[in-house]
Structures are given as structure tokens and as C-alpha cells.
PDB file of all heavy atoms in Angstrom:
ATOM      1  N   GLU A   1     -10.618  14.254   7.515  1.00  0.00           N
ATOM      2  CA  GLU A   1      -9.434  15.014   7.889  1.00  0.00           C
ATOM      3  C   GLU A   1      -8.185  14.168   7.881  1.00  0.00           C
ATOM      4  O   GLU A   1      -7.074  14.545   7.398  1.00  0.00           O
ATOM      5  CB  GLU A   1      -9.562  15.725   9.214  1.00  0.00           C
ATOM      6  CG  GLU A   1      -8.434  16.758   9.449  1.00  0.00           C
ATOM      7  CD  GLU A   1      -8.779  17.546  10.610  1.00  0.00           C
ATOM      8  OE1 GLU A   1      -9.882  18.012  10.878  1.00  0.00           O
ATOM      9  OE2 GLU A   1      -7.852  17.709  11.461  1.00  0.00           O
ATOM     10  N   ASP A   2      -8.229  13.006   8.499  1.00  0.00           N
ATOM     11  CA  ASP A   2      -7.091  12.049   8.573  1.00  0.00           C
ATOM     12  C   ASP A   2      -7.462  10.863   7.748  1.00  0.00           C
ATOM     13  O   ASP A   2      -8.248  10.035   8.071  1.00  0.00           O
ATOM     14  CB  ASP A   2      -6.752  11.620  10.028  1.00  0.00           C
ATOM     15  CG  ASP A   2      -5.471  10.813  10.123  1.00  0.00           C
ATOM     16  OD1 ASP A   2      -4.677  10.838   9.164  1.00  0.00           O
ATOM     17  OD2 ASP A   2      -5.270  10.185  11.125  1.00  0.00           O
ATOM     18  N   PRO A   3      -6.892  10.787   6.559  1.00  0.00           N
ATOM     19  CA  PRO A   3      -7.248   9.746   5.580  1.00  0.00           C
ATOM     20  C   PRO A   3      -7.042   8.316   6.116  1.00  0.00           C
ATOM     21  O   PRO A   3      -6.015   8.088   6.782  1.00  0.00           O
ATOM     22  CB  PRO A   3      -6.379  10.032   4.349  1.00  0.00           C
ATOM     23  CG  PRO A   3      -6.032  11.429   4.402  1.00  0.00           C
ATOM     24  CD  PRO A   3      -5.917  11.711   5.892  1.00  0.00           C
ATOM     25  N   PRO A   4      -8.029   7.438   5.821  1.00  0.00           N
ATOM     26  CA  PRO A   4      -7.801   6.065   6.218  1.00  0.00           C
ATOM     27  C   PRO A   4      -6.805   5.264   5.400  1.00  0.00           C
ATOM     28  O   PRO A   4      -6.505   5.717   4.258  1.00  0.00           O
ATOM     29  CB  PRO A   4      -9.184   5.467   6.078  1.00  0.00           C
ATOM     30  CG  PRO A   4      -9.798   6.241   4.899  1.00  0.00           C
ATOM     31  CD  PRO A   4      -9.222   7.611   5.092  1.00  0.00           C
ATOM     32  N   SER A   5      -6.346   4.219   5.890  1.00  0.00           N
ATOM     33  CA  SER A   5      -5.441   3.383   5.073  1.00  0.00           C
ATOM     34  C   SER A   5      -6.195   2.814   3.926  1.00  0.00           C
ATOM     35  O   SER A   5      -7.350   2.401   3.970  1.00  0.00           O
ATOM     36  CB  SER A   5      -4.916   2.254   5.951  1.00  0.00           C
ATOM     37  OG  SER A   5      -4.273   1.275   5.164  1.00  0.00           O
ATOM     38  N   PRO A   6      -5.568   2.744   2.757  1.00  0.00           N
ATOM     39  CA  PRO A   6      -6.216   2.193   1.594  1.00  0.00           C
ATOM     40  C   PRO A   6      -6.122   0.650   1.566  1.00  0.00           C
ATOM     41  O   PRO A   6      -6.676   0.037   0.628  1.00  0.00           O
ATOM     42  CB  PRO A   6      -5.457   2.788   0.410  1.00  0.00           C
ATOM     43  CG  PRO A   6      -4.146   3.137   0.960  1.00  0.00           C
ATOM     44  CD  PRO A   6      -4.253   3.498   2.367  1.00  0.00           C
ATOM     45  N   CYS A   7      -5.525   0.037   2.572  1.00  0.00           N
ATOM     46  CA  CYS A   7      -5.397  -1.430   2.555  1.00  0.00           C
ATOM     47  C   CYS A   7      -6.749  -2.118   2.537  1.00  0.00           C
ATOM     48  O   CYS A   7      -7.644  -1.760   3.273  1.00  0.00           O
ATOM     49  CB  CYS A   7      -4.631  -1.825   3.825  1.00  0.00           C
ATOM     50  SG  CYS A   7      -4.352  -3.585   3.965  1.00  0.00           S
ATOM     51  N   ILE A   8      -6.854  -3.134   1.678  1.00  0.00           N
ATOM     52  CA  ILE A   8      -8.037  -4.002   1.608  1.00  0.00           C
ATOM     53  C   ILE A   8      -7.695  -5.435   1.883  1.00  0.00           C
ATOM     54  O   ILE A   8      -8.450  -6.337   1.508  1.00  0.00           O
ATOM     55  CB  ILE A   8      -8.759  -3.820   0.279  1.00  0.00           C
ATOM     56  CG1 ILE A   8      -7.866  -4.262  -0.908  1.00  0.00           C
ATOM     57  CG2 ILE A   8      -9.287  -2.401   0.099  1.00  0.00           C
ATOM     58  CD1 ILE A   8      -8.599  -4.343  -2.206  1.00  0.00           C
ATOM     59  N   SER A   9      -6.535  -5.686   2.516  1.00  0.00           N
ATOM     60  CA  SER A   9      -6.030  -7.010   2.971  1.00  0.00           C
ATOM     61  C   SER A   9      -5.831  -7.933   1.766  1.00  0.00           C
ATOM     62  O   SER A   9      -6.061  -9.121   1.903  1.00  0.00           O
ATOM     63  CB  SER A   9      -7.058  -7.630   3.964  1.00  0.00           C
ATOM     64  OG  SER A   9      -7.123  -6.759   5.095  1.00  0.00           O
ATOM     65  N   VAL A  10      -5.416  -7.380   0.619  1.00  0.00           N
ATOM     66  CA  VAL A  10      -4.959  -8.161  -0.517  1.00  0.00           C
ATOM     67  C   VAL A  10      -3.515  -7.691  -0.659  1.00  0.00           C
ATOM     68  O   VAL A  10      -3.242  -6.877  -1.515  1.00  0.00           O
ATOM     69  CB  VAL A  10      -5.850  -7.924  -1.772  1.00  0.00           C
ATOM     70  CG1 VAL A  10      -5.249  -8.634  -2.943  1.00  0.00           C
ATOM     71  CG2 VAL A  10      -7.216  -8.247  -1.537  1.00  0.00           C
ATOM     72  N   CYS A  11      -2.621  -8.292   0.080  1.00  0.00           N
ATOM     73  CA  CYS A  11      -1.225  -7.751   0.168  1.00  0.00           C
ATOM     74  C   CYS A  11      -0.342  -8.580  -0.718  1.00  0.00           C
ATOM     75  O   CYS A  11       0.364  -9.421  -0.209  1.00  0.00           O
ATOM     76  CB  CYS A  11      -0.777  -7.670   1.641  1.00  0.00           C
ATOM     77  SG  CYS A  11      -1.942  -6.769   2.699  1.00  0.00           S
ATOM     78  N   ILE A  12      -0.271  -8.264  -2.001  1.00  0.00           N
ATOM     79  CA  ILE A  12       0.545  -9.005  -2.958  1.00  0.00           C
ATOM     80  C   ILE A  12       1.241  -7.919  -3.791  1.00  0.00           C
ATOM     81  O   ILE A  12       0.567  -7.199  -4.507  1.00  0.00           O
ATOM     82  CB  ILE A  12      -0.271  -9.914  -3.870  1.00  0.00           C
ATOM     83  CG1 ILE A  12      -1.044 -10.942  -3.011  1.00  0.00           C
ATOM     84  CG2 ILE A  12       0.641 -10.623  -4.856  1.00  0.00           C
ATOM     85  CD1 ILE A  12      -2.112 -11.741  -3.794  1.00  0.00           C
ATOM     86  N   ILE A  13       2.571  -7.888  -3.706  1.00  0.00           N
ATOM     87  CA  ILE A  13       3.287  -6.925  -4.525  1.00  0.00           C
ATOM     88  C   ILE A  13       3.560  -7.558  -5.860  1.00  0.00           C
ATOM     89  O   ILE A  13       4.138  -8.524  -6.058  1.00  0.00           O
ATOM     90  CB  ILE A  13       4.686  -6.539  -3.818  1.00  0.00           C
ATOM     91  CG1 ILE A  13       4.419  -5.931  -2.419  1.00  0.00           C
ATOM     92  CG2 ILE A  13       5.448  -5.541  -4.711  1.00  0.00           C
ATOM     93  CD1 ILE A  13       3.627  -4.685  -2.426  1.00  0.00           C
ATOM     94  N   ASP A  14       3.176  -6.758  -6.874  1.00  0.00           N
ATOM     95  CA  ASP A  14       3.278  -7.138  -8.293  1.00  0.00           C
ATOM     96  C   ASP A  14       4.811  -6.951  -8.604  1.00  0.00           C
ATOM     97  O   ASP A  14       5.337  -5.881  -8.505  1.00  0.00           O
ATOM     98  CB  ASP A  14       2.402  -6.303  -9.208  1.00  0.00           C
ATOM     99  CG  ASP A  14       2.452  -6.706 -10.620  1.00  0.00           C
ATOM    100  OD1 ASP A  14       3.557  -6.764 -11.183  1.00  0.00           O
ATOM    101  OD2 ASP A  14       1.287  -6.967 -11.171  1.00  0.00           O
ATOM    102  N   ALA A  15       5.433  -8.052  -9.065  1.00  0.00           N
ATOM    103  CA  ALA A  15       6.804  -7.989  -9.434  1.00  0.00           C
ATOM    104  C   ALA A  15       7.101  -7.053 -10.579  1.00  0.00           C
ATOM    105  O   ALA A  15       8.222  -6.518 -10.745  1.00  0.00           O
ATOM    106  CB  ALA A  15       7.331  -9.401  -9.699  1.00  0.00           C
ATOM    107  N   ASP A  16       6.179  -6.892 -11.454  1.00  0.00           N
ATOM    108  CA  ASP A  16       6.390  -6.073 -12.673  1.00  0.00           C
ATOM    109  C   ASP A  16       6.364  -4.598 -12.434  1.00  0.00           C
ATOM    110  O   ASP A  16       7.173  -3.799 -12.954  1.00  0.00           O
ATOM    111  CB  ASP A  16       5.350  -6.439 -13.746  1.00  0.00           C
ATOM    112  CG  ASP A  16       5.476  -7.813 -14.352  1.00  0.00           C
ATOM    113  OD1 ASP A  16       6.652  -8.303 -14.332  1.00  0.00           O
ATOM    114  OD2 ASP A  16       4.449  -8.427 -14.736  1.00  0.00           O
ATOM    115  N   ASN A  17       5.453  -4.167 -11.512  1.00  0.00           N
ATOM    116  CA  ASN A  17       5.324  -2.678 -11.357  1.00  0.00           C
ATOM    117  C   ASN A  17       5.689  -2.242  -9.888  1.00  0.00           C
ATOM    118  O   ASN A  17       5.651  -1.049  -9.625  1.00  0.00           O
ATOM    119  CB  ASN A  17       3.919  -2.129 -11.779  1.00  0.00           C
ATOM    120  CG  ASN A  17       2.821  -2.770 -10.928  1.00  0.00           C
ATOM    121  OD1 ASN A  17       2.996  -3.300  -9.837  1.00  0.00           O
ATOM    122  ND2 ASN A  17       1.612  -2.739 -11.481  1.00  0.00           N
ATOM    123  N   GLY A  18       5.856  -3.252  -9.010  1.00  0.00           N
ATOM    124  CA  GLY A  18       6.205  -2.894  -7.620  1.00  0.00           C
ATOM    125  C   GLY A  18       5.036  -2.387  -6.732  1.00  0.00           C
ATOM    126  O   GLY A  18       5.244  -1.816  -5.670  1.00  0.00           O
ATOM    127  N   LEU A  19       3.783  -2.518  -7.258  1.00  0.00           N
ATOM    128  CA  LEU A  19       2.631  -2.030  -6.544  1.00  0.00           C
ATOM    129  C   LEU A  19       1.821  -3.131  -5.907  1.00  0.00           C
ATOM    130  O   LEU A  19       1.777  -4.268  -6.437  1.00  0.00           O
ATOM    131  CB  LEU A  19       1.721  -1.218  -7.421  1.00  0.00           C
ATOM    132  CG  LEU A  19       2.276  -0.033  -8.093  1.00  0.00           C
ATOM    133  CD1 LEU A  19       1.294   0.526  -9.120  1.00  0.00           C
ATOM    134  CD2 LEU A  19       2.699   1.025  -7.157  1.00  0.00           C
ATOM    135  N   CYS A  20       1.267  -2.872  -4.784  1.00  0.00           N
ATOM    136  CA  CYS A  20       0.364  -3.831  -4.101  1.00  0.00           C
ATOM    137  C   CYS A  20      -0.820  -3.995  -5.043  1.00  0.00           C
ATOM    138  O   CYS A  20      -1.457  -3.065  -5.517  1.00  0.00           O
ATOM    139  CB  CYS A  20      -0.020  -3.335  -2.757  1.00  0.00           C
ATOM    140  SG  CYS A  20      -1.307  -4.396  -1.937  1.00  0.00           S
ATOM    141  N   GLN A  21      -1.220  -5.237  -5.272  1.00  0.00           N
ATOM    142  CA  GLN A  21      -2.391  -5.537  -6.112  1.00  0.00           C
ATOM    143  C   GLN A  21      -3.699  -5.131  -5.479  1.00  0.00           C
ATOM    144  O   GLN A  21      -4.682  -4.994  -6.146  1.00  0.00           O
ATOM    145  CB  GLN A  21      -2.391  -7.034  -6.539  1.00  0.00           C
ATOM    146  CG  GLN A  21      -1.222  -7.417  -7.419  1.00  0.00           C
ATOM    147  CD  GLN A  21      -1.224  -8.876  -7.797  1.00  0.00           C
ATOM    148  OE1 GLN A  21      -2.172  -9.583  -7.516  1.00  0.00           O
ATOM    149  NE2 GLN A  21      -0.139  -9.315  -8.470  1.00  0.00           N
ATOM    150  N   GLY A  22      -3.711  -4.955  -4.208  1.00  0.00           N
ATOM    151  CA  GLY A  22      -4.978  -4.630  -3.510  1.00  0.00           C
ATOM    152  C   GLY A  22      -5.093  -3.128  -3.372  1.00  0.00           C
ATOM    153  O   GLY A  22      -6.208  -2.629  -3.610  1.00  0.00           O
ATOM    154  N   CYS A  23      -4.118  -2.389  -2.988  1.00  0.00           N
ATOM    155  CA  CYS A  23      -4.259  -0.979  -2.680  1.00  0.00           C
ATOM    156  C   CYS A  23      -3.455  -0.081  -3.562  1.00  0.00           C
ATOM    157  O   CYS A  23      -3.604   1.162  -3.483  1.00  0.00           O
ATOM    158  CB  CYS A  23      -3.912  -0.680  -1.181  1.00  0.00           C
ATOM    159  SG  CYS A  23      -2.130  -0.951  -0.745  1.00  0.00           S
ATOM    160  N   PHE A  24      -2.714  -0.554  -4.529  1.00  0.00           N
ATOM    161  CA  PHE A  24      -1.986   0.198  -5.460  1.00  0.00           C
ATOM    162  C   PHE A  24      -0.821   1.118  -4.846  1.00  0.00           C
ATOM    163  O   PHE A  24      -0.403   2.102  -5.470  1.00  0.00           O
ATOM    164  CB  PHE A  24      -2.821   1.055  -6.319  1.00  0.00           C
ATOM    165  CG  PHE A  24      -3.642   0.269  -7.351  1.00  0.00           C
ATOM    166  CD1 PHE A  24      -4.860  -0.341  -7.016  1.00  0.00           C
ATOM    167  CD2 PHE A  24      -3.212   0.075  -8.647  1.00  0.00           C
ATOM    168  CE1 PHE A  24      -5.591  -1.047  -7.861  1.00  0.00           C
ATOM    169  CE2 PHE A  24      -3.940  -0.657  -9.525  1.00  0.00           C
ATOM    170  CZ  PHE A  24      -5.083  -1.311  -9.161  1.00  0.00           C
ATOM    171  N   ARG A  25      -0.371   0.699  -3.610  1.00  0.00           N
ATOM    172  CA  ARG A  25       0.744   1.433  -2.977  1.00  0.00           C
ATOM    173  C   ARG A  25       2.031   0.713  -3.229  1.00  0.00           C
ATOM    174  O   ARG A  25       2.050  -0.544  -3.464  1.00  0.00           O
ATOM    175  CB  ARG A  25       0.557   1.552  -1.517  1.00  0.00           C
ATOM    176  CG  ARG A  25      -0.573   2.486  -1.131  1.00  0.00           C
ATOM    177  CD  ARG A  25      -0.670   2.631   0.446  1.00  0.00           C
ATOM    178  NE  ARG A  25      -1.141   1.385   1.047  1.00  0.00           N
ATOM    179  CZ  ARG A  25      -1.206   1.158   2.325  1.00  0.00           C
ATOM    180  NH1 ARG A  25      -0.803   2.087   3.212  1.00  0.00           N
ATOM    181  NH2 ARG A  25      -1.639  -0.003   2.840  1.00  0.00           N
ATOM    182  N   THR A  26       3.180   1.412  -3.220  1.00  0.00           N
ATOM    183  CA  THR A  26       4.490   0.782  -3.263  1.00  0.00           C
ATOM    184  C   THR A  26       4.775   0.244  -1.844  1.00  0.00           C
ATOM    185  O   THR A  26       4.095   0.567  -0.855  1.00  0.00           O
ATOM    186  CB  THR A  26       5.575   1.848  -3.579  1.00  0.00           C
ATOM    187  OG1 THR A  26       5.680   2.827  -2.480  1.00  0.00           O
ATOM    188  CG2 THR A  26       5.316   2.594  -4.842  1.00  0.00           C
ATOM    189  N   ILE A  27       5.722  -0.634  -1.757  1.00  0.00           N
ATOM    190  CA  ILE A  27       6.068  -1.257  -0.515  1.00  0.00           C
ATOM    191  C   ILE A  27       6.510  -0.163   0.497  1.00  0.00           C
ATOM    192  O   ILE A  27       6.272  -0.246   1.682  1.00  0.00           O
ATOM    193  CB  ILE A  27       7.149  -2.370  -0.585  1.00  0.00           C
ATOM    194  CG1 ILE A  27       7.283  -3.180   0.634  1.00  0.00           C
ATOM    195  CG2 ILE A  27       8.457  -1.851  -1.060  1.00  0.00           C
ATOM    196  CD1 ILE A  27       6.103  -4.034   0.988  1.00  0.00           C
ATOM    197  N   GLU A  28       7.180   0.875  -0.026  1.00  0.00           N
ATOM    198  CA  GLU A  28       7.639   1.940   0.806  1.00  0.00           C
ATOM    199  C   GLU A  28       6.441   2.722   1.440  1.00  0.00           C
ATOM    200  O   GLU A  28       6.417   3.105   2.518  1.00  0.00           O
ATOM    201  CB  GLU A  28       8.487   2.883   0.042  1.00  0.00           C
ATOM    202  CG  GLU A  28       9.937   2.364  -0.303  1.00  0.00           C
ATOM    203  CD  GLU A  28       9.891   1.520  -1.624  1.00  0.00           C
ATOM    204  OE1 GLU A  28       8.792   1.470  -2.339  1.00  0.00           O
ATOM    205  OE2 GLU A  28      10.844   0.818  -1.872  1.00  0.00           O
ATOM    206  N   GLU A  29       5.404   3.003   0.522  1.00  0.00           N
ATOM    207  CA  GLU A  29       4.237   3.638   1.011  1.00  0.00           C
ATOM    208  C   GLU A  29       3.506   2.855   2.117  1.00  0.00           C
ATOM    209  O   GLU A  29       2.973   3.464   3.054  1.00  0.00           O
ATOM    210  CB  GLU A  29       3.363   3.972  -0.131  1.00  0.00           C
ATOM    211  CG  GLU A  29       3.879   5.069  -1.065  1.00  0.00           C
ATOM    212  CD  GLU A  29       3.172   5.182  -2.452  1.00  0.00           C
ATOM    213  OE1 GLU A  29       2.417   4.159  -2.763  1.00  0.00           O
ATOM    214  OE2 GLU A  29       3.318   6.222  -3.071  1.00  0.00           O
ATOM    215  N   VAL A  30       3.435   1.562   1.922  1.00  0.00           N
ATOM    216  CA  VAL A  30       2.793   0.688   2.839  1.00  0.00           C
ATOM    217  C   VAL A  30       3.542   0.754   4.238  1.00  0.00           C
ATOM    218  O   VAL A  30       2.981   0.943   5.234  1.00  0.00           O
ATOM    219  CB  VAL A  30       2.726  -0.789   2.382  1.00  0.00           C
ATOM    220  CG1 VAL A  30       2.262  -1.728   3.486  1.00  0.00           C
ATOM    221  CG2 VAL A  30       1.861  -0.863   1.142  1.00  0.00           C
ATOM    222  N   ALA A  31       4.938   0.640   4.122  1.00  0.00           N
ATOM    223  CA  ALA A  31       5.712   0.666   5.343  1.00  0.00           C
ATOM    224  C   ALA A  31       5.605   1.993   6.081  1.00  0.00           C
ATOM    225  O   ALA A  31       5.634   2.099   7.332  1.00  0.00           O
ATOM    226  CB  ALA A  31       7.160   0.364   5.033  1.00  0.00           C
ATOM    227  N   ASP A  32       5.634   3.122   5.345  1.00  0.00           N
ATOM    228  CA  ASP A  32       5.625   4.482   5.899  1.00  0.00           C
ATOM    229  C   ASP A  32       4.265   4.906   6.390  1.00  0.00           C
ATOM    230  O   ASP A  32       4.183   5.887   7.216  1.00  0.00           O
ATOM    231  CB  ASP A  32       6.128   5.479   4.851  1.00  0.00           C
ATOM    232  CG  ASP A  32       7.607   5.270   4.559  1.00  0.00           C
ATOM    233  OD1 ASP A  32       8.273   4.618   5.310  1.00  0.00           O
ATOM    234  OD2 ASP A  32       8.107   5.860   3.512  1.00  0.00           O
ATOM    235  N   TRP A  33       3.174   4.303   5.980  1.00  0.00           N
ATOM    236  CA  TRP A  33       1.856   4.854   6.284  1.00  0.00           C
ATOM    237  C   TRP A  33       1.624   5.176   7.704  1.00  0.00           C
ATOM    238  O   TRP A  33       1.058   6.237   7.967  1.00  0.00           O
ATOM    239  CB  TRP A  33       0.751   3.743   5.834  1.00  0.00           C
ATOM    240  CG  TRP A  33      -0.609   4.366   5.955  1.00  0.00           C
ATOM    241  CD1 TRP A  33      -1.500   4.190   6.926  1.00  0.00           C
ATOM    242  CD2 TRP A  33      -1.198   5.194   4.961  1.00  0.00           C
ATOM    243  NE1 TRP A  33      -2.662   4.882   6.702  1.00  0.00           N
ATOM    244  CE2 TRP A  33      -2.522   5.507   5.459  1.00  0.00           C
ATOM    245  CE3 TRP A  33      -0.865   5.752   3.704  1.00  0.00           C
ATOM    246  CZ2 TRP A  33      -3.402   6.380   4.789  1.00  0.00           C
ATOM    247  CZ3 TRP A  33      -1.705   6.568   3.078  1.00  0.00           C
ATOM    248  CH2 TRP A  33      -2.984   6.890   3.590  1.00  0.00           C
ATOM    249  N   PRO A  34       2.001   4.352   8.733  1.00  0.00           N
ATOM    250  CA  PRO A  34       1.676   4.670  10.084  1.00  0.00           C
ATOM    251  C   PRO A  34       2.312   6.017  10.569  1.00  0.00           C
ATOM    252  O   PRO A  34       1.893   6.582  11.539  1.00  0.00           O
ATOM    253  CB  PRO A  34       2.258   3.518  10.894  1.00  0.00           C
ATOM    254  CG  PRO A  34       2.316   2.407   9.916  1.00  0.00           C
ATOM    255  CD  PRO A  34       2.647   3.023   8.586  1.00  0.00           C
ATOM    256  N   VAL A  35       3.420   6.430  10.004  1.00  0.00           N
ATOM    257  CA  VAL A  35       4.062   7.685  10.442  1.00  0.00           C
ATOM    258  C   VAL A  35       3.847   8.856   9.538  1.00  0.00           C
ATOM    259  O   VAL A  35       4.312   9.934   9.835  1.00  0.00           O
ATOM    260  CB  VAL A  35       5.559   7.389  10.568  1.00  0.00           C
ATOM    261  CG1 VAL A  35       5.842   6.347  11.644  1.00  0.00           C
ATOM    262  CG2 VAL A  35       6.197   7.046   9.268  1.00  0.00           C
ATOM    263  N   LEU A  36       3.021   8.647   8.492  1.00  0.00           N
ATOM    264  CA  LEU A  36       2.762   9.833   7.603  1.00  0.00           C
ATOM    265  C   LEU A  36       1.724  10.810   8.282  1.00  0.00           C
ATOM    266  O   LEU A  36       0.773  10.274   8.911  1.00  0.00           O
ATOM    267  CB  LEU A  36       2.205   9.338   6.253  1.00  0.00           C
ATOM    268  CG  LEU A  36       3.107   8.518   5.404  1.00  0.00           C
ATOM    269  CD1 LEU A  36       2.434   8.038   4.116  1.00  0.00           C
ATOM    270  CD2 LEU A  36       4.401   9.279   5.046  1.00  0.00           C
TER     271      LEU A  36
END
């Protein structure tokens, strides 16, 4: 019912596409996750 965080502790933002290489989220999605 309440989806878990997709974080796998590989927190590297790809400069080319702006996505985390571990969880495929944008930096905004990562920052906003706790309040979503």
C-alpha cells in the first residue's frame, strides 16, 4: 500500500541524464520522497 523507497545505496547522479545510477530517480524525486 505504501511503496518502499527504491534507493539501493548507489547514490551517483549521472551528469548526462540527471538520474541516480542506483535507483533511476531524479534528484528532485530523491529529495521529495519522504513527503510524497
